[in-house]
Amino acid sequence: MTRDEWDDVVTVMWGSFDDAAEQVRERILALQPNQRFLVYGQYELIASVSESVPLDPDFERLQELARQHPEGVGTWVVLDEVGNVLDEFRAHRE
């Protein structure tokens, strides 16, 4: 981690050195045998088998969907507490 990355973790994410250090401790203790690294990724440390942030399979799936459907997929809806659709955003058609 760079000084700026550590500063992000301490001040932005946790707000204190002690809390940030505790998070590092917890992440170290949770490492799997094949995970030799903790790498910085947007205010957190991520377990990895290499010195780089591992690819997020969910992000990769979203990227593939975006390539397959450049016009977009899905719709924006408002749900009630049990999952019924209350309203749906519809694009304005000219």
PDB file of N, CA and C in Angstrom:
ATOM      1  N   MET A   1       0.841  -1.194   0.000  1.00  0.00           N
ATOM      2  CA  MET A   1       0.000   0.000   0.000  1.00  0.00           C
ATOM      3  C   MET A   1       0.872   1.238   0.000  1.00  0.00           C
ATOM      4  N   THR A   2       0.396   2.227  -0.692  1.00  0.00           N
ATOM      5  CA  THR A   2       1.084   3.513  -0.651  1.00  0.00           C
ATOM      6  C   THR A   2       0.630   4.268   0.596  1.00  0.00           C
ATOM      7  N   ARG A   3       1.302   5.354   0.907  1.00  0.00           N
ATOM      8  CA  ARG A   3       0.880   6.184   2.041  1.00  0.00           C
ATOM      9  C   ARG A   3      -0.536   6.717   1.832  1.00  0.00           C
ATOM     10  N   ASP A   4      -0.849   7.128   0.605  1.00  0.00           N
ATOM     11  CA  ASP A   4      -2.190   7.656   0.312  1.00  0.00           C
ATOM     12  C   ASP A   4      -3.262   6.582   0.473  1.00  0.00           C
ATOM     13  N   GLU A   5      -2.973   5.359   0.036  1.00  0.00           N
ATOM     14  CA  GLU A   5      -3.937   4.269   0.190  1.00  0.00           C
ATOM     15  C   GLU A   5      -4.161   3.963   1.667  1.00  0.00           C
ATOM     16  N   TRP A   6      -3.094   3.911   2.441  1.00  0.00           N
ATOM     17  CA  TRP A   6      -3.244   3.671   3.878  1.00  0.00           C
ATOM     18  C   TRP A   6      -4.040   4.804   4.518  1.00  0.00           C
ATOM     19  N   ASP A   7      -3.778   6.037   4.089  1.00  0.00           N
ATOM     20  CA  ASP A   7      -4.527   7.178   4.605  1.00  0.00           C
ATOM     21  C   ASP A   7      -6.017   7.036   4.289  1.00  0.00           C
ATOM     22  N   ASP A   8      -6.357   6.550   3.090  1.00  0.00           N
ATOM     23  CA  ASP A   8      -7.760   6.303   2.736  1.00  0.00           C
ATOM     24  C   ASP A   8      -8.399   5.296   3.679  1.00  0.00           C
ATOM     25  N   VAL A   9      -7.687   4.215   3.956  1.00  0.00           N
ATOM     26  CA  VAL A   9      -8.236   3.176   4.832  1.00  0.00           C
ATOM     27  C   VAL A   9      -8.423   3.715   6.246  1.00  0.00           C
ATOM     28  N   VAL A  10      -7.417   4.398   6.752  1.00  0.00           N
ATOM     29  CA  VAL A  10      -7.473   4.886   8.136  1.00  0.00           C
ATOM     30  C   VAL A  10      -8.498   6.001   8.305  1.00  0.00           C
ATOM     31  N   THR A  11      -8.486   6.992   7.413  1.00  0.00           N
ATOM     32  CA  THR A  11      -9.339   8.159   7.631  1.00  0.00           C
ATOM     33  C   THR A  11     -10.715   8.045   6.995  1.00  0.00           C
ATOM     34  N   VAL A  12     -10.775   7.583   5.757  1.00  0.00           N
ATOM     35  CA  VAL A  12     -12.063   7.556   5.059  1.00  0.00           C
ATOM     36  C   VAL A  12     -12.885   6.343   5.488  1.00  0.00           C
ATOM     37  N   MET A  13     -12.291   5.168   5.426  1.00  0.00           N
ATOM     38  CA  MET A  13     -13.043   3.946   5.682  1.00  0.00           C
ATOM     39  C   MET A  13     -13.325   3.732   7.165  1.00  0.00           C
ATOM     40  N   TRP A  14     -12.301   3.817   8.002  1.00  0.00           N
ATOM     41  CA  TRP A  14     -12.472   3.453   9.413  1.00  0.00           C
ATOM     42  C   TRP A  14     -12.483   4.642  10.351  1.00  0.00           C
ATOM     43  N   GLY A  15     -11.819   5.720  10.011  1.00  0.00           N
ATOM     44  CA  GLY A  15     -11.842   6.903  10.856  1.00  0.00           C
ATOM     45  C   GLY A  15     -10.828   6.897  11.975  1.00  0.00           C
ATOM     46  N   SER A  16     -10.138   5.776  12.160  1.00  0.00           N
ATOM     47  CA  SER A  16      -9.107   5.740  13.195  1.00  0.00           C
ATOM     48  C   SER A  16      -8.061   4.685  12.853  1.00  0.00           C
ATOM     49  N   PHE A  17      -6.852   4.927  13.337  1.00  0.00           N
ATOM     50  CA  PHE A  17      -5.763   3.984  13.089  1.00  0.00           C
ATOM     51  C   PHE A  17      -6.063   2.633  13.726  1.00  0.00           C
ATOM     52  N   ASP A  18      -6.554   2.642  14.955  1.00  0.00           N
ATOM     53  CA  ASP A  18      -6.815   1.380  15.657  1.00  0.00           C
ATOM     54  C   ASP A  18      -7.832   0.506  14.924  1.00  0.00           C
ATOM     55  N   ASP A  19      -8.909   1.115  14.436  1.00  0.00           N
ATOM     56  CA  ASP A  19      -9.916   0.350  13.701  1.00  0.00           C
ATOM     57  C   ASP A  19      -9.362  -0.184  12.389  1.00  0.00           C
ATOM     58  N   ALA A  20      -8.562   0.636  11.704  1.00  0.00           N
ATOM     59  CA  ALA A  20      -7.948   0.196  10.450  1.00  0.00           C
ATOM     60  C   ALA A  20      -6.972  -0.950  10.705  1.00  0.00           C
ATOM     61  N   ALA A  21      -6.175  -0.838  11.753  1.00  0.00           N
ATOM     62  CA  ALA A  21      -5.217  -1.900  12.090  1.00  0.00           C
ATOM     63  C   ALA A  21      -5.945  -3.188  12.459  1.00  0.00           C
ATOM     64  N   GLU A  22      -7.068  -3.089  13.137  1.00  0.00           N
ATOM     65  CA  GLU A  22      -7.862  -4.268  13.485  1.00  0.00           C
ATOM     66  C   GLU A  22      -8.390  -4.947  12.222  1.00  0.00           C
ATOM     67  N   GLN A  23      -8.818  -4.142  11.244  1.00  0.00           N
ATOM     68  CA  GLN A  23      -9.281  -4.702   9.978  1.00  0.00           C
ATOM     69  C   GLN A  23      -8.146  -5.454   9.275  1.00  0.00           C
ATOM     70  N   VAL A  24      -6.948  -4.883   9.273  1.00  0.00           N
ATOM     71  CA  VAL A  24      -5.789  -5.555   8.668  1.00  0.00           C
ATOM     72  C   VAL A  24      -5.534  -6.872   9.395  1.00  0.00           C
ATOM     73  N   ARG A  25      -5.570  -6.858  10.695  1.00  0.00           N
ATOM     74  CA  ARG A  25      -5.362  -8.075  11.493  1.00  0.00           C
ATOM     75  C   ARG A  25      -6.376  -9.148  11.119  1.00  0.00           C
ATOM     76  N   GLU A  26      -7.657  -8.762  11.041  1.00  0.00           N
ATOM     77  CA  GLU A  26      -8.715  -9.722  10.701  1.00  0.00           C
ATOM     78  C   GLU A  26      -8.517 -10.288   9.303  1.00  0.00           C
ATOM     79  N   ARG A  27      -8.118  -9.431   8.363  1.00  0.00           N
ATOM     80  CA  ARG A  27      -7.901  -9.899   6.986  1.00  0.00           C
ATOM     81  C   ARG A  27      -6.711 -10.858   6.913  1.00  0.00           C
ATOM     82  N   ILE A  28      -5.664 -10.571   7.667  1.00  0.00           N
ATOM     83  CA  ILE A  28      -4.498 -11.464   7.685  1.00  0.00           C
ATOM     84  C   ILE A  28      -4.882 -12.822   8.247  1.00  0.00           C
ATOM     85  N   LEU A  29      -5.622 -12.831   9.343  1.00  0.00           N
ATOM     86  CA  LEU A  29      -6.020 -14.098   9.958  1.00  0.00           C
ATOM     87  C   LEU A  29      -6.971 -14.911   9.083  1.00  0.00           C
ATOM     88  N   ALA A  30      -7.706 -14.248   8.183  1.00  0.00           N
ATOM     89  CA  ALA A  30      -8.664 -14.939   7.316  1.00  0.00           C
ATOM     90  C   ALA A  30      -8.056 -15.429   6.000  1.00  0.00           C
ATOM     91  N   LEU A  31      -6.780 -15.107   5.762  1.00  0.00           N
ATOM     92  CA  LEU A  31      -6.155 -15.541   4.513  1.00  0.00           C
ATOM     93  C   LEU A  31      -6.156 -17.060   4.389  1.00  0.00           C
ATOM     94  N   GLN A  32      -6.432 -17.542   3.182  1.00  0.00           N
ATOM     95  CA  GLN A  32      -6.348 -18.968   2.872  1.00  0.00           C
ATOM     96  C   GLN A  32      -4.886 -19.304   2.564  1.00  0.00           C
ATOM     97  N   PRO A  33      -4.507 -20.578   2.659  1.00  0.00           N
ATOM     98  CA  PRO A  33      -3.107 -20.944   2.425  1.00  0.00           C
ATOM     99  C   PRO A  33      -2.541 -20.471   1.079  1.00  0.00           C
ATOM    100  N   ASN A  34      -3.360 -20.435   0.036  1.00  0.00           N
ATOM    101  CA  ASN A  34      -2.850 -20.005  -1.273  1.00  0.00           C
ATOM    102  C   ASN A  34      -2.865 -18.486  -1.453  1.00  0.00           C
ATOM    103  N   GLN A  35      -3.431 -17.768  -0.513  1.00  0.00           N
ATOM    104  CA  GLN A  35      -3.497 -16.308  -0.594  1.00  0.00           C
ATOM    105  C   GLN A  35      -2.334 -15.714   0.188  1.00  0.00           C
ATOM    106  N   ARG A  36      -1.333 -15.251  -0.540  1.00  0.00           N
ATOM    107  CA  ARG A  36      -0.134 -14.720   0.104  1.00  0.00           C
ATOM    108  C   ARG A  36      -0.141 -13.202   0.206  1.00  0.00           C
ATOM    109  N   PHE A  37      -1.158 -12.558  -0.363  1.00  0.00           N
ATOM    110  CA  PHE A  37      -1.160 -11.105  -0.442  1.00  0.00           C
ATOM    111  C   PHE A  37      -2.486 -10.513   0.029  1.00  0.00           C
ATOM    112  N   LEU A  38      -2.375  -9.325   0.595  1.00  0.00           N
ATOM    113  CA  LEU A  38      -3.524  -8.447   0.800  1.00  0.00           C
ATOM    114  C   LEU A  38      -3.236  -7.232  -0.063  1.00  0.00           C
ATOM    115  N   VAL A  39      -4.123  -6.947  -1.012  1.00  0.00           N
ATOM    116  CA  VAL A  39      -3.907  -5.824  -1.922  1.00  0.00           C
ATOM    117  C   VAL A  39      -4.998  -4.783  -1.710  1.00  0.00           C
ATOM    118  N   TYR A  40      -4.616  -3.534  -1.909  1.00  0.00           N
ATOM    119  CA  TYR A  40      -5.535  -2.427  -1.694  1.00  0.00           C
ATOM    120  C   TYR A  40      -6.515  -2.320  -2.859  1.00  0.00           C
ATOM    121  N   GLY A  41      -7.783  -2.172  -2.526  1.00  0.00           N
ATOM    122  CA  GLY A  41      -8.810  -1.958  -3.537  1.00  0.00           C
ATOM    123  C   GLY A  41      -9.930  -1.116  -2.979  1.00  0.00           C
ATOM    124  N   GLN A  42      -9.974   0.141  -3.329  1.00  0.00           N
ATOM    125  CA  GLN A  42     -11.002   1.098  -2.913  1.00  0.00           C
ATOM    126  C   GLN A  42     -11.379   0.984  -1.431  1.00  0.00           C
ATOM    127  N   TYR A  43     -10.525   1.463  -0.595  1.00  0.00           N
ATOM    128  CA  TYR A  43     -10.716   1.586   0.852  1.00  0.00           C
ATOM    129  C   TYR A  43     -10.706   0.256   1.603  1.00  0.00           C
ATOM    130  N   GLU A  44     -10.233  -0.811   0.983  1.00  0.00           N
ATOM    131  CA  GLU A  44     -10.181  -2.077   1.712  1.00  0.00           C
ATOM    132  C   GLU A  44      -9.009  -2.915   1.231  1.00  0.00           C
ATOM    133  N   LEU A  45      -8.666  -3.896   2.022  1.00  0.00           N
ATOM    134  CA  LEU A  45      -7.642  -4.862   1.645  1.00  0.00           C
ATOM    135  C   LEU A  45      -8.339  -6.140   1.191  1.00  0.00           C
ATOM    136  N   ILE A  46      -7.892  -6.660   0.050  1.00  0.00           N
ATOM    137  CA  ILE A  46      -8.521  -7.824  -0.557  1.00  0.00           C
ATOM    138  C   ILE A  46      -7.513  -8.950  -0.619  1.00  0.00           C
ATOM    139  N   ALA A  47      -7.919 -10.140  -0.160  1.00  0.00           N
ATOM    140  CA  ALA A  47      -7.052 -11.313  -0.222  1.00  0.00           C
ATOM    141  C   ALA A  47      -6.812 -11.697  -1.676  1.00  0.00           C
ATOM    142  N   SER A  48      -5.561 -12.057  -1.996  1.00  0.00           N
ATOM    143  CA  SER A  48      -5.224 -12.385  -3.375  1.00  0.00           C
ATOM    144  C   SER A  48      -4.085 -13.398  -3.414  1.00  0.00           C
ATOM    145  N   VAL A  49      -4.024 -14.134  -4.507  1.00  0.00           N
ATOM    146  CA  VAL A  49      -2.917 -15.066  -4.723  1.00  0.00           C
ATOM    147  C   VAL A  49      -1.751 -14.373  -5.407  1.00  0.00           C
ATOM    148  N   SER A  50      -1.944 -13.123  -5.863  1.00  0.00           N
ATOM    149  CA  SER A  50      -0.878 -12.365  -6.511  1.00  0.00           C
ATOM    150  C   SER A  50      -0.863 -10.939  -5.955  1.00  0.00           C
ATOM    151  N   GLU A  51       0.053 -10.147  -6.476  1.00  0.00           N
ATOM    152  CA  GLU A  51       0.194  -8.765  -6.005  1.00  0.00           C
ATOM    153  C   GLU A  51      -0.838  -7.816  -6.602  1.00  0.00           C
ATOM    154  N   SER A  52      -1.781  -8.328  -7.369  1.00  0.00           N
ATOM    155  CA  SER A  52      -2.799  -7.462  -7.960  1.00  0.00           C
ATOM    156  C   SER A  52      -4.185  -7.854  -7.456  1.00  0.00           C
ATOM    157  N   VAL A  53      -5.114  -6.910  -7.575  1.00  0.00           N
ATOM    158  CA  VAL A  53      -6.489  -7.146  -7.134  1.00  0.00           C
ATOM    159  C   VAL A  53      -7.088  -8.252  -8.008  1.00  0.00           C
ATOM    160  N   PRO A  54      -7.667  -9.280  -7.393  1.00  0.00           N
ATOM    161  CA  PRO A  54      -8.264 -10.351  -8.199  1.00  0.00           C
ATOM    162  C   PRO A  54      -9.479  -9.843  -8.970  1.00  0.00           C
ATOM    163  N   LEU A  55      -9.743 -10.466 -10.111  1.00  0.00           N
ATOM    164  CA  LEU A  55     -10.908 -10.099 -10.899  1.00  0.00           C
ATOM    165  C   LEU A  55     -12.176 -10.487 -10.147  1.00  0.00           C
ATOM    166  N   ASP A  56     -13.149  -9.599 -10.167  1.00  0.00           N
ATOM    167  CA  ASP A  56     -14.444  -9.844  -9.533  1.00  0.00           C
ATOM    168  C   ASP A  56     -15.334 -10.542 -10.558  1.00  0.00           C
ATOM    169  N   PRO A  57     -15.753 -11.797 -10.299  1.00  0.00           N
ATOM    170  CA  PRO A  57     -16.567 -12.514 -11.279  1.00  0.00           C
ATOM    171  C   PRO A  57     -17.899 -11.808 -11.579  1.00  0.00           C
ATOM    172  N   ASP A  58     -18.473 -11.135 -10.600  1.00  0.00           N
ATOM    173  CA  ASP A  58     -19.718 -10.396 -10.839  1.00  0.00           C
ATOM    174  C   ASP A  58     -19.476  -9.237 -11.804  1.00  0.00           C
ATOM    175  N   PHE A  59     -18.372  -8.538 -11.622  1.00  0.00           N
ATOM    176  CA  PHE A  59     -18.038  -7.427 -12.510  1.00  0.00           C
ATOM    177  C   PHE A  59     -17.784  -7.943 -13.920  1.00  0.00           C
ATOM    178  N   GLU A  60     -17.056  -9.051 -14.033  1.00  0.00           N
ATOM    179  CA  GLU A  60     -16.787  -9.640 -15.336  1.00  0.00           C
ATOM    180  C   GLU A  60     -18.091 -10.025 -16.034  1.00  0.00           C
ATOM    181  N   ARG A  61     -19.039 -10.577 -15.296  1.00  0.00           N
ATOM    182  CA  ARG A  61     -20.337 -10.957 -15.870  1.00  0.00           C
ATOM    183  C   ARG A  61     -21.089  -9.720 -16.362  1.00  0.00           C
ATOM    184  N   LEU A  62     -21.062  -8.644 -15.586  1.00  0.00           N
ATOM    185  CA  LEU A  62     -21.716  -7.407 -16.002  1.00  0.00           C
ATOM    186  C   LEU A  62     -21.054  -6.820 -17.253  1.00  0.00           C
ATOM    187  N   GLN A  63     -19.728  -6.903 -17.320  1.00  0.00           N
ATOM    188  CA  GLN A  63     -19.011  -6.425 -18.500  1.00  0.00           C
ATOM    189  C   GLN A  63     -19.434  -7.205 -19.742  1.00  0.00           C
ATOM    190  N   GLU A  64     -19.565  -8.528 -19.600  1.00  0.00           N
ATOM    191  CA  GLU A  64     -19.978  -9.366 -20.716  1.00  0.00           C
ATOM    192  C   GLU A  64     -21.403  -9.028 -21.152  1.00  0.00           C
ATOM    193  N   LEU A  65     -22.302  -8.835 -20.206  1.00  0.00           N
ATOM    194  CA  LEU A  65     -23.669  -8.440 -20.543  1.00  0.00           C
ATOM    195  C   LEU A  65     -23.693  -7.099 -21.279  1.00  0.00           C
ATOM    196  N   ALA A  66     -22.869  -6.162 -20.845  1.00  0.00           N
ATOM    197  CA  ALA A  66     -22.808  -4.856 -21.498  1.00  0.00           C
ATOM    198  C   ALA A  66     -22.300  -4.993 -22.930  1.00  0.00           C
ATOM    199  N   ARG A  67     -21.335  -5.897 -23.165  1.00  0.00           N
ATOM    200  CA  ARG A  67     -20.852  -6.122 -24.523  1.00  0.00           C
ATOM    201  C   ARG A  67     -21.935  -6.754 -25.398  1.00  0.00           C
ATOM    202  N   GLN A  68     -22.670  -7.696 -24.825  1.00  0.00           N
ATOM    203  CA  GLN A  68     -23.711  -8.401 -25.577  1.00  0.00           C
ATOM    204  C   GLN A  68     -24.926  -7.511 -25.863  1.00  0.00           C
ATOM    205  N   HIS A  69     -25.196  -6.580 -24.973  1.00  0.00           N
ATOM    206  CA  HIS A  69     -26.400  -5.748 -25.083  1.00  0.00           C
ATOM    207  C   HIS A  69     -26.040  -4.269 -24.935  1.00  0.00           C
ATOM    208  N   PRO A  70     -25.421  -3.682 -25.964  1.00  0.00           N
ATOM    209  CA  PRO A  70     -25.013  -2.275 -25.835  1.00  0.00           C
ATOM    210  C   PRO A  70     -26.186  -1.318 -25.638  1.00  0.00           C
ATOM    211  N   GLU A  71     -27.395  -1.753 -26.004  1.00  0.00           N
ATOM    212  CA  GLU A  71     -28.580  -0.916 -25.796  1.00  0.00           C
ATOM    213  C   GLU A  71     -29.049  -0.961 -24.350  1.00  0.00           C
ATOM    214  N   GLY A  72     -28.516  -1.858 -23.569  1.00  0.00           N
ATOM    215  CA  GLY A  72     -28.872  -1.982 -22.158  1.00  0.00           C
ATOM    216  C   GLY A  72     -29.806  -3.159 -21.922  1.00  0.00           C
ATOM    217  N   VAL A  73     -29.836  -3.612 -20.683  1.00  0.00           N
ATOM    218  CA  VAL A  73     -30.726  -4.709 -20.293  1.00  0.00           C
ATOM    219  C   VAL A  73     -31.420  -4.341 -18.996  1.00  0.00           C
ATOM    220  N   GLY A  74     -32.579  -4.919 -18.779  1.00  0.00           N
ATOM    221  CA  GLY A  74     -33.288  -4.719 -17.525  1.00  0.00           C
ATOM    222  C   GLY A  74     -34.046  -3.406 -17.491  1.00  0.00           C
ATOM    223  N   THR A  75     -34.762  -3.214 -16.412  1.00  0.00           N
ATOM    224  CA  THR A  75     -35.533  -1.994 -16.203  1.00  0.00           C
ATOM    225  C   THR A  75     -35.407  -1.578 -14.746  1.00  0.00           C
ATOM    226  N   TRP A  76     -35.656  -0.297 -14.500  1.00  0.00           N
ATOM    227  CA  TRP A  76     -35.683   0.218 -13.138  1.00  0.00           C
ATOM    228  C   TRP A  76     -37.106   0.096 -12.614  1.00  0.00           C
ATOM    229  N   VAL A  77     -37.250  -0.497 -11.447  1.00  0.00           N
ATOM    230  CA  VAL A  77     -38.577  -0.637 -10.853  1.00  0.00           C
ATOM    231  C   VAL A  77     -38.530  -0.250  -9.385  1.00  0.00           C
ATOM    232  N   VAL A  78     -39.708   0.042  -8.848  1.00  0.00           N
ATOM    233  CA  VAL A  78     -39.872   0.288  -7.416  1.00  0.00           C
ATOM    234  C   VAL A  78     -40.648  -0.901  -6.867  1.00  0.00           C
ATOM    235  N   LEU A  79     -40.095  -1.543  -5.825  1.00  0.00           N
ATOM    236  CA  LEU A  79     -40.736  -2.702  -5.210  1.00  0.00           C
ATOM    237  C   LEU A  79     -41.281  -2.348  -3.838  1.00  0.00           C
ATOM    238  N   ASP A  80     -42.346  -3.044  -3.441  1.00  0.00           N
ATOM    239  CA  ASP A  80     -42.805  -2.899  -2.064  1.00  0.00           C
ATOM    240  C   ASP A  80     -42.008  -3.857  -1.189  1.00  0.00           C
ATOM    241  N   GLU A  81     -42.345  -3.942   0.085  1.00  0.00           N
ATOM    242  CA  GLU A  81     -41.551  -4.734   1.025  1.00  0.00           C
ATOM    243  C   GLU A  81     -41.580  -6.239   0.757  1.00  0.00           C
ATOM    244  N   VAL A  82     -42.550  -6.722  -0.025  1.00  0.00           N
ATOM    245  CA  VAL A  82     -42.605  -8.154  -0.328  1.00  0.00           C
ATOM    246  C   VAL A  82     -42.201  -8.462  -1.768  1.00  0.00           C
ATOM    247  N   GLY A  83     -41.770  -7.447  -2.521  1.00  0.00           N
ATOM    248  CA  GLY A  83     -41.249  -7.681  -3.858  1.00  0.00           C
ATOM    249  C   GLY A  83     -42.205  -7.425  -5.002  1.00  0.00           C
ATOM    250  N   ASN A  84     -43.389  -6.893  -4.725  1.00  0.00           N
ATOM    251  CA  ASN A  84     -44.312  -6.550  -5.804  1.00  0.00           C
ATOM    252  C   ASN A  84     -43.868  -5.261  -6.480  1.00  0.00           C
ATOM    253  N   VAL A  85     -43.975  -5.211  -7.814  1.00  0.00           N
ATOM    254  CA  VAL A  85     -43.607  -4.013  -8.564  1.00  0.00           C
ATOM    255  C   VAL A  85     -44.679  -2.946  -8.371  1.00  0.00           C
ATOM    256  N   LEU A  86     -44.283  -1.804  -7.840  1.00  0.00           N
ATOM    257  CA  LEU A  86     -45.198  -0.684  -7.632  1.00  0.00           C
ATOM    258  C   LEU A  86     -45.156   0.298  -8.790  1.00  0.00           C
ATOM    259  N   ASP A  87     -43.986   0.461  -9.382  1.00  0.00           N
ATOM    260  CA  ASP A  87     -43.823   1.406 -10.479  1.00  0.00           C
ATOM    261  C   ASP A  87     -42.628   0.961 -11.307  1.00  0.00           C
ATOM    262  N   GLU A  88     -42.626   1.360 -12.578  1.00  0.00           N
ATOM    263  CA  GLU A  88     -41.548   0.987 -13.482  1.00  0.00           C
ATOM    264  C   GLU A  88     -41.153   2.199 -14.309  1.00  0.00           C
ATOM    265  N   PHE A  89     -39.859   2.432 -14.423  1.00  0.00           N
ATOM    266  CA  PHE A  89     -39.366   3.529 -15.243  1.00  0.00           C
ATOM    267  C   PHE A  89     -39.458   3.108 -16.703  1.00  0.00           C
ATOM    268  N   ARG A  90     -40.069   3.925 -17.486  1.00  0.00           N
ATOM    269  CA  ARG A  90     -40.161   3.677 -18.934  1.00  0.00           C
ATOM    270  C   ARG A  90     -39.515   4.840 -19.657  1.00  0.00           C
ATOM    271  N   ALA A  91     -38.622   4.516 -20.584  1.00  0.00           N
ATOM    272  CA  ALA A  91     -37.939   5.570 -21.341  1.00  0.00           C
ATOM    273  C   ALA A  91     -38.944   6.327 -22.199  1.00  0.00           C
ATOM    274  N   HIS A  92     -38.756   7.630 -22.270  1.00  0.00           N
ATOM    275  CA  HIS A  92     -39.628   8.472 -23.073  1.00  0.00           C
ATOM    276  C   HIS A  92     -39.391   8.190 -24.560  1.00  0.00           C
ATOM    277  N   ARG A  93     -40.432   7.951 -25.288  1.00  0.00           N
ATOM    278  CA  ARG A  93     -40.321   7.696 -26.724  1.00  0.00           C
ATOM    279  C   ARG A  93     -40.862   8.916 -27.476  1.00  0.00           C
ATOM    280  N   GLU A  94     -40.091   9.362 -28.464  1.00  0.00           N
ATOM    281  CA  GLU A  94     -40.536  10.524 -29.248  1.00  0.00           C
ATOM    282  C   GLU A  94     -41.332  10.081 -30.447  1.00  0.00           C
TER     283      GLU A  94
END
